[in-house]
Protein backbone atom coordinates (compact mmCIF):
# COMPACT_ATOMS: atom_id res chain seq x y z
CA MET A 1 -49.65 -3.12 -61.67
CA LYS A 2 -52.51 -1.65 -59.66
CA LYS A 3 -51.45 -3.69 -56.62
CA VAL A 4 -47.92 -2.32 -56.80
CA PHE A 5 -49.25 1.25 -57.07
CA LEU A 6 -51.51 0.73 -54.08
CA LEU A 7 -48.61 -0.61 -51.98
CA ILE A 8 -46.57 2.49 -52.81
CA LEU A 9 -49.46 4.73 -51.80
CA VAL A 10 -49.94 2.86 -48.53
CA ALA A 11 -46.23 3.12 -47.75
CA ALA A 12 -46.24 6.85 -48.46
CA PHE A 13 -49.34 7.33 -46.36
CA CYS A 14 -48.16 5.30 -43.35
CA PHE A 15 -44.68 6.82 -42.99
CA SER A 16 -44.48 10.59 -42.91
CA PRO A 17 -41.07 12.40 -42.96
CA ALA A 18 -41.37 12.93 -39.18
CA ASP A 19 -41.98 9.22 -38.65
CA ALA A 20 -39.03 8.33 -40.80
CA GLN A 21 -36.80 10.63 -38.75
CA LYS A 22 -37.99 9.00 -35.52
CA ARG A 23 -37.22 5.58 -36.93
CA ARG A 24 -33.72 6.69 -37.93
CA LYS A 25 -33.14 7.98 -34.37
CA ALA A 26 -34.46 4.76 -32.89
CA VAL A 27 -32.00 2.59 -34.75
CA LYS A 28 -28.98 4.73 -33.89
CA LYS A 29 -26.45 2.75 -31.89
CA VAL A 30 -25.86 3.78 -28.28
CA VAL A 31 -22.15 4.49 -27.87
CA GLU A 32 -20.92 3.83 -24.33
CA VAL A 33 -18.19 6.21 -23.23
CA VAL A 34 -15.58 4.30 -21.21
CA PRO A 35 -13.49 6.61 -19.00
CA GLU A 36 -9.74 6.30 -19.33
CA LYS A 37 -8.00 4.45 -16.52
CA THR A 38 -5.71 6.40 -14.24
CA PRO A 39 -2.05 5.35 -13.98
CA GLU A 40 -2.82 4.05 -10.47
CA GLU A 41 -5.68 1.87 -11.77
CA GLU A 42 -3.49 0.52 -14.56
CA LEU A 43 -0.74 -0.30 -12.04
CA PHE A 44 -3.28 -2.07 -9.81
CA GLU A 45 -4.32 -4.30 -12.74
CA GLU A 46 -0.68 -4.91 -13.64
CA LEU A 47 0.30 -5.94 -10.11
CA LEU A 48 -2.87 -7.89 -9.27
CA PRO A 49 -1.71 -11.26 -10.71
CA SER A 50 1.44 -11.14 -8.55
CA THR A 51 -0.45 -10.52 -5.28
CA ALA A 52 1.44 -12.32 -2.52
CA LYS A 53 -0.05 -14.99 -0.27
CA VAL A 54 0.55 -13.57 3.20
CA MET A 55 -1.04 -14.60 6.48
CA PHE A 56 -2.03 -11.57 8.55
CA VAL A 57 -2.42 -12.44 12.23
CA ASP A 58 -4.16 -9.38 13.64
CA SER A 59 -4.35 -5.59 13.50
CA VAL A 60 -4.61 -2.63 15.82
CA VAL A 61 -5.63 0.99 15.07
CA VAL A 62 -3.48 3.74 16.63
CA ASP A 63 -2.81 7.44 16.24
CA LYS A 64 -0.56 8.07 13.24
CA ALA A 65 1.66 10.36 15.33
CA LEU A 66 2.37 7.51 17.78
CA PHE A 67 2.83 4.43 15.61
CA LEU A 68 6.64 4.41 15.65
CA SER A 69 6.63 4.18 19.44
CA LEU A 70 4.00 1.43 19.38
CA LEU A 71 5.75 -0.99 17.03
CA PRO A 72 6.79 -4.05 19.09
CA MET A 73 10.44 -4.00 18.05
CA ALA A 74 12.82 -6.28 19.92
CA SER A 75 16.37 -4.98 20.46
CA GLU A 76 17.85 -7.21 17.74
CA MET A 77 15.57 -5.49 15.21
CA GLY A 78 17.13 -2.12 15.93
CA ARG A 79 15.02 0.94 16.57
CA VAL A 80 13.17 3.60 14.62
CA HIS A 81 12.97 7.06 16.14
CA THR A 82 12.32 10.67 15.20
CA ASP A 83 14.22 13.89 15.72
CA GLY A 84 12.02 16.72 14.56
CA ASP A 85 10.98 15.79 11.03
CA ILE A 86 13.87 13.31 10.60
CA VAL A 87 12.91 9.62 10.79
CA SER A 88 15.90 7.40 11.58
CA TYR A 89 16.54 3.68 11.75
CA THR A 90 19.52 2.36 13.74
CA ASN A 91 20.38 -1.34 13.53
CA GLY A 92 20.60 -3.71 16.49
CA PHE A 93 24.41 -3.41 16.66
CA GLY A 94 24.14 0.36 16.83
CA ASN A 95 26.71 0.89 14.07
CA THR A 96 24.56 1.68 11.01
CA SER A 97 21.94 4.38 10.70
CA ILE A 98 19.65 5.16 7.75
CA TYR A 99 17.47 8.22 7.95
CA ALA A 100 15.03 10.24 5.85
CA GLU A 101 15.35 13.99 5.61
CA GLY A 102 13.97 16.73 3.38
CA ASP A 103 10.72 18.48 2.53
CA THR A 104 8.11 18.73 -0.21
CA ILE A 105 10.18 21.33 -2.10
CA ARG A 106 13.62 19.66 -2.06
CA GLY A 107 12.18 16.17 -1.90
CA ARG A 108 12.74 13.71 0.94
CA HIS A 109 15.72 11.39 0.54
CA LEU A 110 17.47 8.58 2.39
CA TYR A 111 20.94 8.96 3.90
CA MET A 112 23.24 6.35 5.47
CA THR A 113 26.01 6.68 8.02
CA HIS A 114 28.23 4.21 9.92
CA LEU A 115 29.83 4.28 13.35
CA TYR A 116 33.61 3.81 13.25
CA GLY A 117 35.01 3.67 16.75
CA LYS A 118 33.31 6.56 18.47
CA LYS A 119 32.66 8.68 15.40
CA TRP A 120 29.88 8.54 12.82
CA SER A 121 30.86 8.83 9.17
CA GLU A 122 29.69 11.70 7.00
CA PRO A 123 26.11 10.88 5.92
CA ALA A 124 25.90 9.78 2.28
CA GLN A 125 22.71 10.31 0.28
CA LEU A 126 21.49 7.08 -1.31
CA THR A 127 21.21 8.56 -4.78
CA GLU A 128 20.70 5.10 -6.28
CA LEU A 129 17.25 5.14 -4.65
CA PRO A 130 15.62 8.04 -6.53
CA GLN A 131 12.06 7.51 -5.29
CA PRO A 132 10.62 10.93 -4.34
CA MET A 133 9.61 11.62 -0.74
CA ALA A 134 11.31 8.48 0.62
CA ASP A 135 10.69 7.84 4.31
CA TYR A 136 10.39 5.31 7.17
CA PRO A 137 13.44 3.11 6.46
CA PHE A 138 13.89 -0.33 8.04
CA LEU A 139 16.98 -2.51 7.52
CA MET A 140 16.62 -6.25 8.06
CA GLY A 141 18.86 -8.13 10.45
CA ASP A 142 20.87 -9.43 7.49
CA GLY A 143 22.16 -5.87 7.01
CA VAL A 144 21.31 -6.17 3.31
CA THR A 145 17.54 -5.91 2.81
CA LEU A 146 16.08 -2.42 3.13
CA TYR A 147 12.40 -1.47 3.18
CA PHE A 148 11.14 2.09 2.92
CA SER A 149 8.10 3.97 1.64
CA ALA A 150 7.80 6.63 -1.02
CA GLU A 151 5.13 8.54 -2.87
CA GLY A 152 4.70 9.89 -6.37
CA GLU A 153 4.91 8.33 -9.82
CA GLY A 154 4.85 4.53 -9.86
CA THR A 155 2.73 4.05 -6.72
CA LEU A 156 -0.76 2.65 -6.32
CA GLY A 157 -1.76 5.95 -4.73
CA GLY A 158 -0.43 7.77 -1.70
CA ARG A 159 2.68 6.09 -0.24
CA ASP A 160 3.89 2.62 -1.27
CA ILE A 161 6.39 0.23 0.33
CA TYR A 162 9.60 -0.47 -1.63
CA ARG A 163 12.30 -3.12 -1.19
CA THR A 164 15.96 -3.09 -2.16
CA THR A 165 19.14 -4.99 -1.27
CA TYR A 166 22.68 -3.80 -0.62
CA ASP A 167 25.62 -4.78 -2.80
CA ALA A 168 28.55 -4.80 -0.40
CA SER A 169 31.14 -5.22 -3.16
CA GLY A 170 29.87 -2.15 -4.98
CA SER A 171 28.90 -0.24 -1.84
CA HIS A 172 25.47 0.67 -3.18
CA PHE A 173 21.85 -0.47 -3.13
CA TYR A 174 20.22 -2.08 -6.12
CA GLU A 175 17.20 -0.50 -7.81
CA ALA A 176 14.22 -0.50 -5.45
CA VAL A 177 11.09 -2.41 -6.46
CA ASN A 178 7.47 -1.86 -5.48
CA MET A 179 6.37 -4.53 -2.98
CA GLY A 180 3.03 -4.90 -4.70
CA MET A 181 -0.08 -6.13 -2.95
CA PRO A 182 -1.32 -6.75 -0.31
CA TYR A 183 1.48 -4.67 1.20
CA ASN A 184 0.50 -1.65 -0.89
CA SER A 185 -2.85 -0.05 -1.59
CA PRO A 186 -4.43 3.12 -3.03
CA ALA A 187 -4.08 4.57 0.49
CA ASN A 188 -0.84 5.47 2.33
CA ASP A 189 1.33 2.49 3.26
CA TYR A 190 3.98 3.90 5.58
CA MET A 191 6.26 1.23 6.90
CA LEU A 192 7.20 -2.43 6.87
CA ALA A 193 9.36 -4.04 9.56
CA ILE A 194 10.31 -7.71 9.99
CA SER A 195 11.78 -9.76 12.85
CA ASP A 196 13.92 -12.61 11.49
CA TYR A 197 14.21 -14.11 14.96
CA ASP A 198 10.45 -14.37 15.53
CA ASN A 199 9.43 -14.69 11.86
CA LEU A 200 6.91 -11.89 12.24
CA GLY A 201 6.35 -8.65 10.36
CA TRP A 202 4.44 -5.41 10.79
CA LEU A 203 2.78 -3.30 8.12
CA VAL A 204 1.66 0.25 8.94
CA THR A 205 -1.02 1.73 6.65
CA ASP A 206 -3.94 4.15 6.78
CA ARG A 207 -6.16 2.08 4.45
CA TYR A 208 -9.76 1.96 5.71
CA GLN A 209 -8.85 4.44 8.48
CA PRO A 210 -10.14 7.94 9.35
CA GLU A 211 -7.90 10.99 9.25
CA GLY A 212 -5.05 10.85 11.79
CA LYS A 213 -5.26 7.07 12.35
CA VAL A 214 -3.23 4.15 11.02
CA CYS A 215 -3.55 0.40 11.33
CA ILE A 216 -0.61 -1.78 12.38
CA TYR A 217 -1.04 -5.24 10.83
CA THR A 218 0.95 -8.20 12.15
CA PHE A 219 1.81 -10.78 9.49
CA GLU A 220 3.96 -13.86 8.92
CA PRO A 221 6.63 -13.23 6.26
CA THR A 222 7.61 -15.97 3.81
CA ALA A 223 11.13 -16.84 2.69
CA GLN A 224 10.02 -16.84 -0.95
CA ARG A 225 7.17 -14.78 -2.39
CA GLN A 226 4.17 -17.06 -2.90
CA THR A 227 1.48 -16.04 -5.37
CA PHE A 228 -1.96 -17.32 -6.29
CA ASP A 229 -2.78 -19.79 -9.07
CA GLU A 230 -3.34 -18.30 -12.51
CA ASP A 231 -6.96 -19.49 -12.56
CA THR A 232 -7.86 -17.73 -9.27
CA ASP A 233 -11.06 -15.75 -9.68
CA THR A 234 -10.34 -12.04 -10.17
CA GLU A 235 -12.88 -11.00 -7.54
CA ILE A 236 -11.32 -13.33 -4.95
CA LEU A 237 -7.81 -12.18 -5.87
CA THR A 238 -8.86 -8.54 -5.54
CA ARG A 239 -10.23 -9.22 -2.05
CA TYR A 240 -6.84 -10.61 -0.94
CA ALA A 241 -4.98 -7.81 -2.71
CA ARG A 242 -7.00 -5.17 -0.86
CA LEU A 243 -6.70 -7.05 2.46
CA GLU A 244 -10.43 -6.78 3.04
CA HIS A 245 -10.67 -9.55 5.68
CA ILE A 246 -7.55 -10.74 7.50
CA LYS A 247 -9.33 -13.94 8.62
CA ASP A 248 -9.40 -15.01 4.97
CA THR A 249 -5.59 -15.12 5.05
CA TRP A 250 -5.50 -17.58 7.96
CA ALA A 251 -5.83 -20.34 5.36
CA PHE A 252 -2.19 -19.63 4.40
CA GLY A 253 -0.65 -20.76 7.70
CA ASP A 254 -1.12 -21.59 11.38
CA ALA A 255 -2.56 -18.39 12.84
CA ASN A 256 -2.68 -19.71 16.41
CA GLU A 257 1.01 -20.66 16.34
CA ALA A 258 1.92 -17.25 14.93
CA ILE A 259 -0.12 -15.54 17.64
CA GLN A 260 1.76 -17.53 20.28
CA ARG A 261 5.08 -16.39 18.79
CA ARG A 262 3.85 -12.82 18.78
CA ASP A 263 2.77 -13.03 22.42
CA ALA A 264 6.08 -14.61 23.40
CA MET A 265 7.95 -11.83 21.63
CA ILE A 266 5.92 -9.11 23.35
CA ALA A 267 6.44 -10.83 26.72
CA ARG A 268 10.19 -10.89 26.03
CA ILE A 269 10.17 -7.19 25.16
CA ASN A 270 8.09 -6.37 28.23
CA SER A 271 10.40 -8.43 30.42
CA LYS A 272 13.42 -6.51 29.16
CA GLU A 273 11.63 -3.20 29.61
CA ALA A 274 10.65 -4.30 33.11
CA GLY A 275 14.33 -4.94 33.74
CA ASP A 276 15.25 -1.50 32.47
CA LYS A 277 12.37 0.48 33.95
CA VAL A 278 11.16 -0.30 37.47
CA MET A 279 8.58 1.68 39.39
CA PHE A 280 7.38 -0.19 42.48
CA VAL A 281 6.04 1.48 45.61
CA VAL A 282 7.18 -0.54 48.64
CA ASN A 283 5.85 1.83 51.30
CA ASP A 284 5.23 5.53 51.90
CA ASN A 285 8.97 6.19 52.09
CA THR A 286 10.44 3.75 49.56
CA VAL A 287 10.05 3.48 45.78
CA TYR A 288 12.15 1.02 43.78
CA THR A 289 13.42 2.26 40.40
CA SER A 290 15.77 -0.63 39.56
CA LEU A 291 15.71 -4.43 39.83
CA ASP A 292 18.86 -4.11 41.92
CA ASP A 293 16.74 -2.41 44.60
CA PHE A 294 15.00 -5.70 45.42
CA HIS A 295 16.54 -7.52 48.39
CA THR A 296 16.46 -11.03 46.95
CA PRO A 297 16.50 -12.83 43.56
CA SER A 298 13.02 -14.14 44.36
CA GLY A 299 11.83 -10.53 44.77
CA LYS A 300 13.11 -9.69 41.27
CA LYS A 301 11.33 -12.71 39.77
CA LEU A 302 8.11 -11.84 41.58
CA TYR A 303 8.25 -8.30 40.18
CA GLN A 304 8.90 -9.53 36.63
CA ALA A 305 6.01 -12.00 36.90
CA LEU A 306 3.84 -9.17 38.23
CA MET A 307 4.67 -6.98 35.24
CA ALA A 308 3.95 -9.85 32.85
CA ASP A 309 0.53 -10.29 34.48
CA LYS A 310 -0.15 -6.56 34.15
CA GLY A 311 0.68 -6.78 30.46
CA LYS A 312 -1.70 -9.70 30.11
CA LEU A 313 -4.37 -7.77 31.99
CA ALA A 314 -4.05 -4.81 29.60
CA LYS A 315 -4.62 -7.12 26.63
CA LEU A 316 -7.59 -8.79 28.31
CA GLN A 317 -9.16 -5.44 29.12
CA SER A 318 -8.72 -4.32 25.52
CA LEU A 319 -10.33 -7.56 24.31
CA LEU A 320 -13.12 -7.10 26.84
CA ASP A 321 -13.83 -3.58 25.58
CA SER A 322 -14.01 -4.73 21.95
CA THR A 323 -16.25 -7.68 22.91
CA ARG A 324 -18.60 -5.31 24.70
CA GLU A 325 -18.80 -3.20 21.55
CA SER A 326 -19.48 -6.32 19.47
CA TYR A 327 -22.24 -7.34 21.87
CA ALA A 328 -23.88 -3.92 21.65
CA ASP A 329 -23.85 -3.97 17.82
CA ALA A 330 -24.70 -7.65 17.38
CA ALA A 331 -27.96 -8.97 16.01
CA ARG A 332 -30.28 -10.64 18.51
CA ALA A 333 -29.34 -14.13 17.29
CA LYS A 334 -25.66 -13.48 18.00
CA LYS A 335 -26.02 -11.84 21.41
CA TYR A 336 -26.23 -15.13 23.33
CA GLU A 337 -22.95 -16.46 21.93
CA ILE A 338 -21.11 -13.13 22.34
CA GLY A 339 -22.67 -12.72 25.80
CA ARG A 340 -21.14 -16.00 26.94
CA ARG A 341 -17.69 -14.89 25.76
CA LEU A 342 -18.22 -11.53 27.43
CA ASN A 343 -19.13 -13.16 30.74
CA ALA A 344 -16.07 -15.45 30.59
CA LEU A 345 -13.79 -12.50 29.84
CA GLU A 346 -15.19 -10.46 32.72
CA GLN A 347 -14.54 -13.34 35.10
CA GLU A 348 -11.00 -13.78 33.73
CA VAL A 349 -10.23 -10.07 34.14
CA GLU A 350 -11.60 -10.04 37.68
CA ALA A 351 -9.57 -13.11 38.65
CA LEU A 352 -6.36 -11.65 37.19
CA GLU A 353 -6.94 -8.32 38.96
CA ASN A 354 -7.26 -10.20 42.26
CA ASP A 355 -4.07 -12.19 41.52
CA ILE A 356 -2.16 -8.98 40.75
CA ALA A 357 -3.39 -7.29 43.93
CA GLN A 358 -2.35 -10.33 46.00
CA ALA A 359 1.06 -10.52 44.26
CA GLU A 360 1.73 -6.83 44.99
CA LYS A 361 0.81 -7.35 48.65
CA THR A 362 3.06 -10.42 48.93
CA LEU A 363 5.96 -8.58 47.28
CA ARG A 364 5.59 -5.51 49.51
CA ASN A 365 5.46 -7.67 52.65
CA ALA A 366 8.62 -9.50 51.55
CA GLU A 367 10.50 -6.25 50.82
CA ASN A 368 9.36 -4.57 54.07
CA LYS A 369 10.92 -7.25 56.26
């Protein structure tokens, strides 16, 4: 009995009311406050498993105000142009036009018109495509598949790319669907255009870009949407979804072959433009402005080859500039390897400049006879 009494006294002596309060505070559970996810974050998680496997070939950063004029669109793809704040797409046949018009108050909507004979039909608003602030339309060569961008509810943030198809029997478009990732991002994704003939596509977005700039990505479209395996690591899948490194996507196809197709397409476009727009100084008194101005068929071919070489030179000079920047920023261990590439590029540029100068001289001599 005495032992029990002593234990009670010891307990009362060792733990004062203040100590007891401290102990109660110490054992309180720490409640972690988890912030609610935004609708955009929830949509990202929802769309992540369906991220498409897409091989992106390359990218180039340009001024946002100029990107429509810098898209390498062959004539069969149609053309996208602006008239004030109206962005219009006209197909390759020149008989269908889809354009975006409106403002932030009335909303921005898509309209379609057709050319019958020499007269365009009354523009009809595509009310079946209710996405707010719709813009930058592009109709595929099949005349059925339409891509455009929109902003507002249901996007990952900023503008997203949407896809729809045309029902000819019902004369209307089906409900548009969000293209998902990697085409869309929390940034502004403005436009998607595809060349069926060359099996190449272009995505215009301002992700990872400073104010006033956009990036034009070149990619290889697939006939059917291909997605990743269900057991793909979430971190890896997120990297592809966000398009963090385009070289990672080269595992999905033959990048070199796609680059060759791209270069061939650009050469074809440049060749046509060279045929349409000629500016060649023959002498102090003569300037050619048309291929028909050249005296012989060989003179026309020489000029077209000359323009192709000038296009190649522009690309080489751009690559040389970026390699110089890489060399300046590279670690010491990498400088030797980059320096060798830099030296080879400088020699290639110099040789091509000499070839162009000689070709111009030969062509002028031939035309001055």
